[in-house]
């Protein structure tokens, strides 16, 4: 019998990714797809145990459970032992269910004894196609829902300067209470590139201390514009703020270029 190892690994990769995806949805954990892909790929290599005789030892139950546990550690990267045991159990149960469905679908008939006959048919391709559609569809739906939720927190903001103005889209960061200590004004964080053609040397400089949840801290350089107009529905709200300059991009997909603190709105 001819065995196409690359095809077998690809098929097992898709099935493993599907099971990992179901496990993450069951646990309601939205982990990074990169770790799911890595874990699923390593899991797909387990097919070598069934092909290479010298690896037959790893086909024992204890090794199967251990490998499933390691794959869960890679996929979810949690240090909680109870969570990892629970996730491993869910992963194994889903694996058994899918394996049972595959055997049921491929079972064509029983002979007069107890032998099971399996014929070539399209169920495997159909199931793999359904798995791919489900994974892509679920991720797409989640992405659309996430972008819709985020867009409800994005506002148009007009920054009125001494001799110019800029309009930016700003995301309302509800956990951001940043204020400039000397004036006690709320802070609007804006990408520095927005003011690339503005001479900021004509403005008084402010330094805004900040601290993030991971413990890092520092100071942001800023200045005070004349005022800003925040577009809220059909209305404009005039606010006095300090603008802090961000060297990096605030949004990976560039759907906003500023961060509103909770004190502005």
C-alpha atoms as a PDB file:
ATOM      1  CA  UNK A   1       0.000   0.000   0.000  1.00  0.00           C
ATOM      2  CA  UNK A   2       1.283   3.452  -0.921  1.00  0.00           C
ATOM      3  CA  UNK A   3       1.183   5.986   1.928  1.00  0.00           C
ATOM      4  CA  UNK A   4       1.337   9.683   1.087  1.00  0.00           C
ATOM      5  CA  UNK A   5       2.842  11.008   4.288  1.00  0.00           C
ATOM      6  CA  UNK A   6       2.444  14.692   3.415  1.00  0.00           C
ATOM      7  CA  UNK A   7      -1.282  14.252   2.756  1.00  0.00           C
ATOM      8  CA  UNK A   8      -1.762  12.299   5.987  1.00  0.00           C
ATOM      9  CA  UNK A   9       0.044  14.991   7.985  1.00  0.00           C
ATOM     10  CA  UNK A  10      -2.026  17.731   6.318  1.00  0.00           C
ATOM     11  CA  UNK A  11      -5.299  15.913   7.018  1.00  0.00           C
ATOM     12  CA  UNK A  12      -4.323  15.289  10.638  1.00  0.00           C
ATOM     13  CA  UNK A  13      -3.253  18.911  10.994  1.00  0.00           C
ATOM     14  CA  UNK A  14      -6.698  20.121   9.871  1.00  0.00           C
ATOM     15  CA  UNK A  15      -8.477  17.676  12.190  1.00  0.00           C
ATOM     16  CA  UNK A  16      -6.245  18.640  15.138  1.00  0.00           C
ATOM     17  CA  UNK A  17      -6.809  22.333  14.447  1.00  0.00           C
ATOM     18  CA  UNK A  18     -10.557  21.726  14.366  1.00  0.00           C
ATOM     19  CA  UNK A  19     -10.459  19.877  17.702  1.00  0.00           C
ATOM     20  CA  UNK A  20      -8.271  22.572  19.284  1.00  0.00           C
ATOM     21  CA  UNK A  21     -10.668  25.190  17.975  1.00  0.00           C
ATOM     22  CA  UNK A  22     -13.658  23.361  19.483  1.00  0.00           C
ATOM     23  CA  UNK A  23     -11.776  23.017  22.775  1.00  0.00           C
ATOM     24  CA  UNK A  24     -10.997  26.738  22.928  1.00  0.00           C
ATOM     25  CA  UNK A  25     -14.622  27.600  22.158  1.00  0.00           C
ATOM     26  CA  UNK A  26     -15.875  25.202  24.835  1.00  0.00           C
ATOM     27  CA  UNK A  27     -13.555  26.808  27.391  1.00  0.00           C
ATOM     28  CA  UNK A  28     -14.448  30.288  26.038  1.00  0.00           C
ATOM     29  CA  UNK A  29     -10.780  31.142  25.631  1.00  0.00           C
ATOM     30  CA  UNK A  30      -9.822  33.339  22.702  1.00  0.00           C
ATOM     31  CA  UNK A  31      -6.155  32.394  22.357  1.00  0.00           C
ATOM     32  CA  UNK A  32      -3.817  33.320  19.521  1.00  0.00           C
ATOM     33  CA  UNK A  33      -4.264  31.367  16.296  1.00  0.00           C
ATOM     34  CA  UNK A  34      -0.464  31.035  16.006  1.00  0.00           C
ATOM     35  CA  UNK A  35      -0.325  28.791  19.082  1.00  0.00           C
ATOM     36  CA  UNK A  36      -3.277  26.739  17.832  1.00  0.00           C
ATOM     37  CA  UNK A  37      -1.508  26.243  14.500  1.00  0.00           C
ATOM     38  CA  UNK A  38       1.761  25.246  16.187  1.00  0.00           C
ATOM     39  CA  UNK A  39       0.061  22.800  18.547  1.00  0.00           C
ATOM     40  CA  UNK A  40      -2.017  21.301  15.722  1.00  0.00           C
ATOM     41  CA  UNK A  41       1.043  20.858  13.511  1.00  0.00           C
ATOM     42  CA  UNK A  42       3.001  19.088  16.252  1.00  0.00           C
ATOM     43  CA  UNK A  43      -0.045  16.919  16.939  1.00  0.00           C
ATOM     44  CA  UNK A  44      -0.289  15.991  13.265  1.00  0.00           C
ATOM     45  CA  UNK A  45       3.240  14.537  13.443  1.00  0.00           C
ATOM     46  CA  UNK A  46       1.912  11.874  15.835  1.00  0.00           C
ATOM     47  CA  UNK A  47       0.836   9.971  12.734  1.00  0.00           C
ATOM     48  CA  UNK A  48       4.501   8.940  12.424  1.00  0.00           C
ATOM     49  CA  UNK A  49       4.008   6.704  15.468  1.00  0.00           C
ATOM     50  CA  UNK A  50       1.586   4.561  13.454  1.00  0.00           C
ATOM     51  CA  UNK A  51       3.930   4.316  10.474  1.00  0.00           C
ATOM     52  CA  UNK A  52       7.410   3.927  11.963  1.00  0.00           C
ATOM     53  CA  UNK A  53       7.706   0.622  13.883  1.00  0.00           C
ATOM     54  CA  UNK A  54      10.457   1.905  16.189  1.00  0.00           C
ATOM     55  CA  UNK A  55       8.035   4.533  17.538  1.00  0.00           C
ATOM     56  CA  UNK A  56       5.333   1.996  18.431  1.00  0.00           C
ATOM     57  CA  UNK A  57       6.073   2.499  22.140  1.00  0.00           C
ATOM     58  CA  UNK A  58       4.496   5.965  21.954  1.00  0.00           C
ATOM     59  CA  UNK A  59       1.190   4.435  20.882  1.00  0.00           C
ATOM     60  CA  UNK A  60       0.426   3.419  24.463  1.00  0.00           C
ATOM     61  CA  UNK A  61      -2.373   5.179  26.336  1.00  0.00           C
ATOM     62  CA  UNK A  62      -0.094   6.972  28.815  1.00  0.00           C
ATOM     63  CA  UNK A  63       1.882   8.559  25.986  1.00  0.00           C
ATOM     64  CA  UNK A  64      -1.288   9.570  24.128  1.00  0.00           C
ATOM     65  CA  UNK A  65      -2.590  11.382  27.218  1.00  0.00           C
ATOM     66  CA  UNK A  66       0.818  12.962  27.886  1.00  0.00           C
ATOM     67  CA  UNK A  67       1.099  14.219  24.305  1.00  0.00           C
ATOM     68  CA  UNK A  68      -2.439  15.629  24.449  1.00  0.00           C
ATOM     69  CA  UNK A  69      -1.497  17.465  27.665  1.00  0.00           C
ATOM     70  CA  UNK A  70       1.645  18.911  26.037  1.00  0.00           C
ATOM     71  CA  UNK A  71      -0.364  20.060  23.001  1.00  0.00           C
ATOM     72  CA  UNK A  72      -2.798  21.834  25.333  1.00  0.00           C
ATOM     73  CA  UNK A  73       0.105  23.565  27.097  1.00  0.00           C
ATOM     74  CA  UNK A  74       1.415  24.801  23.747  1.00  0.00           C
ATOM     75  CA  UNK A  75      -1.996  25.935  22.493  1.00  0.00           C
ATOM     76  CA  UNK A  76      -3.246  27.734  25.611  1.00  0.00           C
ATOM     77  CA  UNK A  77      -0.014  28.616  27.460  1.00  0.00           C
ATOM     78  CA  UNK A  78      -1.726  28.542  30.867  1.00  0.00           C
ATOM     79  CA  UNK A  79       0.003  27.793  34.161  1.00  0.00           C
ATOM     80  CA  UNK A  80      -3.224  26.692  35.826  1.00  0.00           C
ATOM     81  CA  UNK A  81      -2.976  22.903  36.310  1.00  0.00           C
ATOM     82  CA  UNK A  82      -6.730  22.445  36.757  1.00  0.00           C
ATOM     83  CA  UNK A  83      -7.422  24.367  33.547  1.00  0.00           C
ATOM     84  CA  UNK A  84      -4.874  22.287  31.607  1.00  0.00           C
ATOM     85  CA  UNK A  85      -6.296  18.998  32.906  1.00  0.00           C
ATOM     86  CA  UNK A  86      -9.820  20.137  32.041  1.00  0.00           C
ATOM     87  CA  UNK A  87      -8.734  21.290  28.578  1.00  0.00           C
ATOM     88  CA  UNK A  88      -6.903  17.991  27.965  1.00  0.00           C
ATOM     89  CA  UNK A  89      -9.996  16.004  28.949  1.00  0.00           C
ATOM     90  CA  UNK A  90     -12.177  18.072  26.600  1.00  0.00           C
ATOM     91  CA  UNK A  91      -9.630  17.692  23.790  1.00  0.00           C
ATOM     92  CA  UNK A  92      -9.531  13.898  24.238  1.00  0.00           C
ATOM     93  CA  UNK A  93     -13.332  13.628  24.373  1.00  0.00           C
ATOM     94  CA  UNK A  94     -13.705  15.617  21.146  1.00  0.00           C
ATOM     95  CA  UNK A  95     -10.998  13.466  19.530  1.00  0.00           C
ATOM     96  CA  UNK A  96     -12.875  10.296  20.488  1.00  0.00           C
ATOM     97  CA  UNK A  97     -16.180  11.685  19.223  1.00  0.00           C
ATOM     98  CA  UNK A  98     -14.723  12.696  15.855  1.00  0.00           C
ATOM     99  CA  UNK A  99     -12.891   9.364  15.543  1.00  0.00           C
ATOM    100  CA  UNK A 100     -16.152   7.566  16.288  1.00  0.00           C
ATOM    101  CA  UNK A 101     -18.022   9.599  13.682  1.00  0.00           C
ATOM    102  CA  UNK A 102     -15.340   8.825  11.087  1.00  0.00           C
ATOM    103  CA  UNK A 103     -15.537   5.087  11.803  1.00  0.00           C
ATOM    104  CA  UNK A 104     -19.336   5.199  11.697  1.00  0.00           C
ATOM    105  CA  UNK A 105     -19.377   6.982   8.351  1.00  0.00           C
ATOM    106  CA  UNK A 106     -16.783   4.685   6.820  1.00  0.00           C
ATOM    107  CA  UNK A 107     -18.453   1.527   8.063  1.00  0.00           C
ATOM    108  CA  UNK A 108     -20.008   0.089   4.915  1.00  0.00           C
ATOM    109  CA  UNK A 109     -21.079  -3.334   6.009  1.00  0.00           C
ATOM    110  CA  UNK A 110     -20.220  -6.258   8.228  1.00  0.00           C
ATOM    111  CA  UNK A 111     -19.499  -9.694   6.822  1.00  0.00           C
ATOM    112  CA  UNK A 112     -20.772 -12.912   8.326  1.00  0.00           C
ATOM    113  CA  UNK A 113     -18.028 -12.726  10.963  1.00  0.00           C
ATOM    114  CA  UNK A 114     -16.806  -9.646  12.742  1.00  0.00           C
ATOM    115  CA  UNK A 115     -14.636  -8.065  10.065  1.00  0.00           C
ATOM    116  CA  UNK A 116     -15.253  -4.435   9.241  1.00  0.00           C
ATOM    117  CA  UNK A 117     -15.092  -3.426   5.579  1.00  0.00           C
ATOM    118  CA  UNK A 118     -14.221   0.161   4.679  1.00  0.00           C
ATOM    119  CA  UNK A 119     -14.454   1.356   1.110  1.00  0.00           C
ATOM    120  CA  UNK A 120     -13.054   4.487  -0.506  1.00  0.00           C
ATOM    121  CA  UNK A 121     -15.591   7.295  -0.501  1.00  0.00           C
ATOM    122  CA  UNK A 122     -15.824  11.062  -0.196  1.00  0.00           C
ATOM    123  CA  UNK A 123     -16.880  11.369   3.457  1.00  0.00           C
ATOM    124  CA  UNK A 124     -13.339  12.163   4.608  1.00  0.00           C
ATOM    125  CA  UNK A 125     -12.994  15.015   2.132  1.00  0.00           C
ATOM    126  CA  UNK A 126     -16.459  16.228   3.055  1.00  0.00           C
ATOM    127  CA  UNK A 127     -15.686  16.247   6.783  1.00  0.00           C
ATOM    128  CA  UNK A 128     -12.343  18.000   6.324  1.00  0.00           C
ATOM    129  CA  UNK A 129     -14.017  20.595   4.098  1.00  0.00           C
ATOM    130  CA  UNK A 130     -16.683  21.164   6.756  1.00  0.00           C
ATOM    131  CA  UNK A 131     -13.985  21.554   9.416  1.00  0.00           C
ATOM    132  CA  UNK A 132     -12.127  24.143   7.337  1.00  0.00           C
ATOM    133  CA  UNK A 133     -15.349  26.058   6.621  1.00  0.00           C
ATOM    134  CA  UNK A 134     -16.299  25.986  10.309  1.00  0.00           C
ATOM    135  CA  UNK A 135     -12.893  27.245  11.491  1.00  0.00           C
ATOM    136  CA  UNK A 136     -12.704  30.041   8.911  1.00  0.00           C
ATOM    137  CA  UNK A 137     -16.377  30.952   9.316  1.00  0.00           C
ATOM    138  CA  UNK A 138     -16.212  31.110  13.118  1.00  0.00           C
ATOM    139  CA  UNK A 139     -13.049  33.214  13.063  1.00  0.00           C
ATOM    140  CA  UNK A 140     -14.609  35.514  10.459  1.00  0.00           C
ATOM    141  CA  UNK A 141     -17.801  35.939  12.492  1.00  0.00           C
ATOM    142  CA  UNK A 142     -15.762  36.627  15.635  1.00  0.00           C
ATOM    143  CA  UNK A 143     -13.640  39.169  13.749  1.00  0.00           C
ATOM    144  CA  UNK A 144     -16.689  40.990  12.342  1.00  0.00           C
ATOM    145  CA  UNK A 145     -18.358  41.064  15.768  1.00  0.00           C
ATOM    146  CA  UNK A 146     -15.147  42.292  17.397  1.00  0.00           C
ATOM    147  CA  UNK A 147     -14.687  45.061  14.814  1.00  0.00           C
ATOM    148  CA  UNK A 148     -18.342  46.063  15.240  1.00  0.00           C
ATOM    149  CA  UNK A 149     -17.899  46.306  19.018  1.00  0.00           C
ATOM    150  CA  UNK A 150     -14.704  48.323  18.624  1.00  0.00           C
ATOM    151  CA  UNK A 151     -16.228  50.681  16.041  1.00  0.00           C
ATOM    152  CA  UNK A 152     -18.874  51.733  18.582  1.00  0.00           C
ATOM    153  CA  UNK A 153     -16.027  53.159  20.700  1.00  0.00           C
ATOM    154  CA  UNK A 154     -14.379  55.089  17.858  1.00  0.00           C
ATOM    155  CA  UNK A 155     -15.051  58.824  17.547  1.00  0.00           C
ATOM    156  CA  UNK A 156     -14.036  61.530  15.090  1.00  0.00           C
ATOM    157  CA  UNK A 157     -11.955  64.156  16.864  1.00  0.00           C
ATOM    158  CA  UNK A 158     -10.979  67.565  15.471  1.00  0.00           C
ATOM    159  CA  UNK A 159      -7.748  68.891  16.997  1.00  0.00           C
ATOM    160  CA  UNK A 160      -7.707  72.683  16.744  1.00  0.00           C
ATOM    161  CA  UNK A 161      -4.161  74.043  16.678  1.00  0.00           C
ATOM    162  CA  UNK A 162      -2.805  77.603  16.569  1.00  0.00           C
ATOM    163  CA  UNK A 163      -2.814  77.890  12.778  1.00  0.00           C
ATOM    164  CA  UNK A 164      -4.123  74.548  11.637  1.00  0.00           C
ATOM    165  CA  UNK A 165      -6.301  71.624  12.600  1.00  0.00           C
ATOM    166  CA  UNK A 166      -6.207  67.842  12.334  1.00  0.00           C
ATOM    167  CA  UNK A 167      -8.988  65.271  12.299  1.00  0.00           C
ATOM    168  CA  UNK A 168      -8.297  61.815  13.687  1.00  0.00           C
ATOM    169  CA  UNK A 169     -10.289  58.771  14.623  1.00  0.00           C
ATOM    170  CA  UNK A 170      -9.904  58.099  18.331  1.00  0.00           C
ATOM    171  CA  UNK A 171     -10.696  54.970  20.331  1.00  0.00           C
ATOM    172  CA  UNK A 172     -12.305  55.439  23.749  1.00  0.00           C
ATOM    173  CA  UNK A 173     -10.123  53.463  26.138  1.00  0.00           C
ATOM    174  CA  UNK A 174     -12.455  53.028  29.129  1.00  0.00           C
ATOM    175  CA  UNK A 175      -9.590  51.859  31.329  1.00  0.00           C
ATOM    176  CA  UNK A 176      -7.501  54.931  30.556  1.00  0.00           C
ATOM    177  CA  UNK A 177      -7.687  57.699  33.172  1.00  0.00           C
ATOM    178  CA  UNK A 178      -4.480  59.448  32.123  1.00  0.00           C
ATOM    179  CA  UNK A 179      -4.176  63.093  33.187  1.00  0.00           C
ATOM    180  CA  UNK A 180      -1.419  65.664  32.997  1.00  0.00           C
ATOM    181  CA  UNK A 181      -0.438  66.310  36.645  1.00  0.00           C
ATOM    182  CA  UNK A 182       0.263  70.082  36.439  1.00  0.00           C
ATOM    183  CA  UNK A 183      -3.002  71.089  34.724  1.00  0.00           C
ATOM    184  CA  UNK A 184      -5.083  68.038  35.715  1.00  0.00           C
ATOM    185  CA  UNK A 185      -6.397  67.974  32.135  1.00  0.00           C
ATOM    186  CA  UNK A 186      -7.300  64.631  30.534  1.00  0.00           C
ATOM    187  CA  UNK A 187      -4.838  63.279  27.995  1.00  0.00           C
ATOM    188  CA  UNK A 188      -5.495  62.438  24.350  1.00  0.00           C
ATOM    189  CA  UNK A 189      -2.779  60.103  23.058  1.00  0.00           C
ATOM    190  CA  UNK A 190      -2.137  60.689  19.338  1.00  0.00           C
ATOM    191  CA  UNK A 191       0.332  59.140  16.914  1.00  0.00           C
ATOM    192  CA  UNK A 192       3.186  61.588  16.384  1.00  0.00           C
ATOM    193  CA  UNK A 193       2.957  61.207  12.588  1.00  0.00           C
ATOM    194  CA  UNK A 194      -0.370  63.069  12.659  1.00  0.00           C
ATOM    195  CA  UNK A 195       1.586  66.271  13.352  1.00  0.00           C
ATOM    196  CA  UNK A 196       4.420  65.635  10.890  1.00  0.00           C
ATOM    197  CA  UNK A 197       3.917  69.041   9.210  1.00  0.00           C
ATOM    198  CA  UNK A 198       3.258  70.977  12.404  1.00  0.00           C
ATOM    199  CA  UNK A 199       5.975  72.936  14.205  1.00  0.00           C
ATOM    200  CA  UNK A 200       5.457  71.682  17.747  1.00  0.00           C
ATOM    201  CA  UNK A 201       8.355  73.779  19.075  1.00  0.00           C
ATOM    202  CA  UNK A 202       5.976  76.739  19.323  1.00  0.00           C
ATOM    203  CA  UNK A 203       3.986  74.928  22.015  1.00  0.00           C
ATOM    204  CA  UNK A 204       4.819  74.515  25.684  1.00  0.00           C
ATOM    205  CA  UNK A 205       5.950  70.966  26.416  1.00  0.00           C
ATOM    206  CA  UNK A 206       4.329  68.730  29.004  1.00  0.00           C
ATOM    207  CA  UNK A 207       5.544  65.400  30.329  1.00  0.00           C
ATOM    208  CA  UNK A 208       2.873  62.926  31.314  1.00  0.00           C
ATOM    209  CA  UNK A 209       3.892  60.000  33.538  1.00  0.00           C
ATOM    210  CA  UNK A 210       2.235  56.674  32.797  1.00  0.00           C
ATOM    211  CA  UNK A 211       2.291  53.114  34.060  1.00  0.00           C
ATOM    212  CA  UNK A 212       0.925  50.037  32.278  1.00  0.00           C
ATOM    213  CA  UNK A 213      -0.440  46.824  33.763  1.00  0.00           C
ATOM    214  CA  UNK A 214       2.768  44.852  33.166  1.00  0.00           C
ATOM    215  CA  UNK A 215       4.655  47.236  35.447  1.00  0.00           C
ATOM    216  CA  UNK A 216       6.411  49.295  32.782  1.00  0.00           C
ATOM    217  CA  UNK A 217       6.362  53.044  33.255  1.00  0.00           C
ATOM    218  CA  UNK A 218       7.732  56.202  31.686  1.00  0.00           C
ATOM    219  CA  UNK A 219       6.838  59.682  30.442  1.00  0.00           C
ATOM    220  CA  UNK A 220       5.019  60.804  27.318  1.00  0.00           C
ATOM    221  CA  UNK A 221       5.902  64.140  25.755  1.00  0.00           C
ATOM    222  CA  UNK A 222       2.907  66.315  25.010  1.00  0.00           C
ATOM    223  CA  UNK A 223       1.526  69.750  24.236  1.00  0.00           C
ATOM    224  CA  UNK A 224      -1.716  71.672  24.680  1.00  0.00           C
ATOM    225  CA  UNK A 225      -3.776  72.480  21.562  1.00  0.00           C
ATOM    226  CA  UNK A 226      -6.331  75.283  21.551  1.00  0.00           C
ATOM    227  CA  UNK A 227      -9.069  72.699  22.079  1.00  0.00           C
ATOM    228  CA  UNK A 228     -10.580  69.586  20.524  1.00  0.00           C
ATOM    229  CA  UNK A 229     -14.054  68.839  19.169  1.00  0.00           C
ATOM    230  CA  UNK A 230     -15.305  65.321  19.827  1.00  0.00           C
ATOM    231  CA  UNK A 231     -18.083  64.232  17.459  1.00  0.00           C
ATOM    232  CA  UNK A 232     -20.681  62.353  19.493  1.00  0.00           C
ATOM    233  CA  UNK A 233     -23.587  61.429  17.249  1.00  0.00           C
ATOM    234  CA  UNK A 234     -24.822  64.639  15.611  1.00  0.00           C
ATOM    235  CA  UNK A 235     -23.227  66.849  18.257  1.00  0.00           C
ATOM    236  CA  UNK A 236     -19.752  68.227  18.884  1.00  0.00           C
ATOM    237  CA  UNK A 237     -18.325  68.431  22.375  1.00  0.00           C
ATOM    238  CA  UNK A 238     -15.600  71.015  22.921  1.00  0.00           C
ATOM    239  CA  UNK A 239     -12.885  69.865  25.333  1.00  0.00           C
ATOM    240  CA  UNK A 240      -9.602  71.113  26.719  1.00  0.00           C
ATOM    241  CA  UNK A 241      -6.961  68.393  26.736  1.00  0.00           C
ATOM    242  CA  UNK A 242      -3.265  67.709  26.706  1.00  0.00           C
ATOM    243  CA  UNK A 243      -2.085  65.761  23.665  1.00  0.00           C
ATOM    244  CA  UNK A 244       0.530  63.097  24.347  1.00  0.00           C
ATOM    245  CA  UNK A 245       2.584  61.920  21.392  1.00  0.00           C
ATOM    246  CA  UNK A 246       2.941  58.222  20.623  1.00  0.00           C
ATOM    247  CA  UNK A 247       5.939  57.129  18.583  1.00  0.00           C
ATOM    248  CA  UNK A 248       4.331  53.849  17.512  1.00  0.00           C
ATOM    249  CA  UNK A 249       1.065  52.861  15.860  1.00  0.00           C
ATOM    250  CA  UNK A 250      -1.908  52.604  18.200  1.00  0.00           C
ATOM    251  CA  UNK A 251      -3.894  50.236  15.979  1.00  0.00           C
ATOM    252  CA  UNK A 252      -2.495  47.294  14.079  1.00  0.00           C
ATOM    253  CA  UNK A 253      -5.017  47.747  11.263  1.00  0.00           C
ATOM    254  CA  UNK A 254      -4.977  51.567  11.409  1.00  0.00           C
ATOM    255  CA  UNK A 255      -8.681  52.024  12.170  1.00  0.00           C
ATOM    256  CA  UNK A 256      -7.838  54.712  14.738  1.00  0.00           C
ATOM    257  CA  UNK A 257      -4.836  56.933  15.449  1.00  0.00           C
ATOM    258  CA  UNK A 258      -5.646  58.301  18.888  1.00  0.00           C
ATOM    259  CA  UNK A 259      -6.766  57.132  22.327  1.00  0.00           C
ATOM    260  CA  UNK A 260      -9.399  59.001  24.308  1.00  0.00           C
ATOM    261  CA  UNK A 261      -9.129  58.856  28.079  1.00  0.00           C
ATOM    262  CA  UNK A 262     -12.253  58.352  30.126  1.00  0.00           C
ATOM    263  CA  UNK A 263     -12.086  61.946  31.401  1.00  0.00           C
ATOM    264  CA  UNK A 264     -12.685  63.373  27.915  1.00  0.00           C
ATOM    265  CA  UNK A 265     -16.068  61.732  27.296  1.00  0.00           C
END
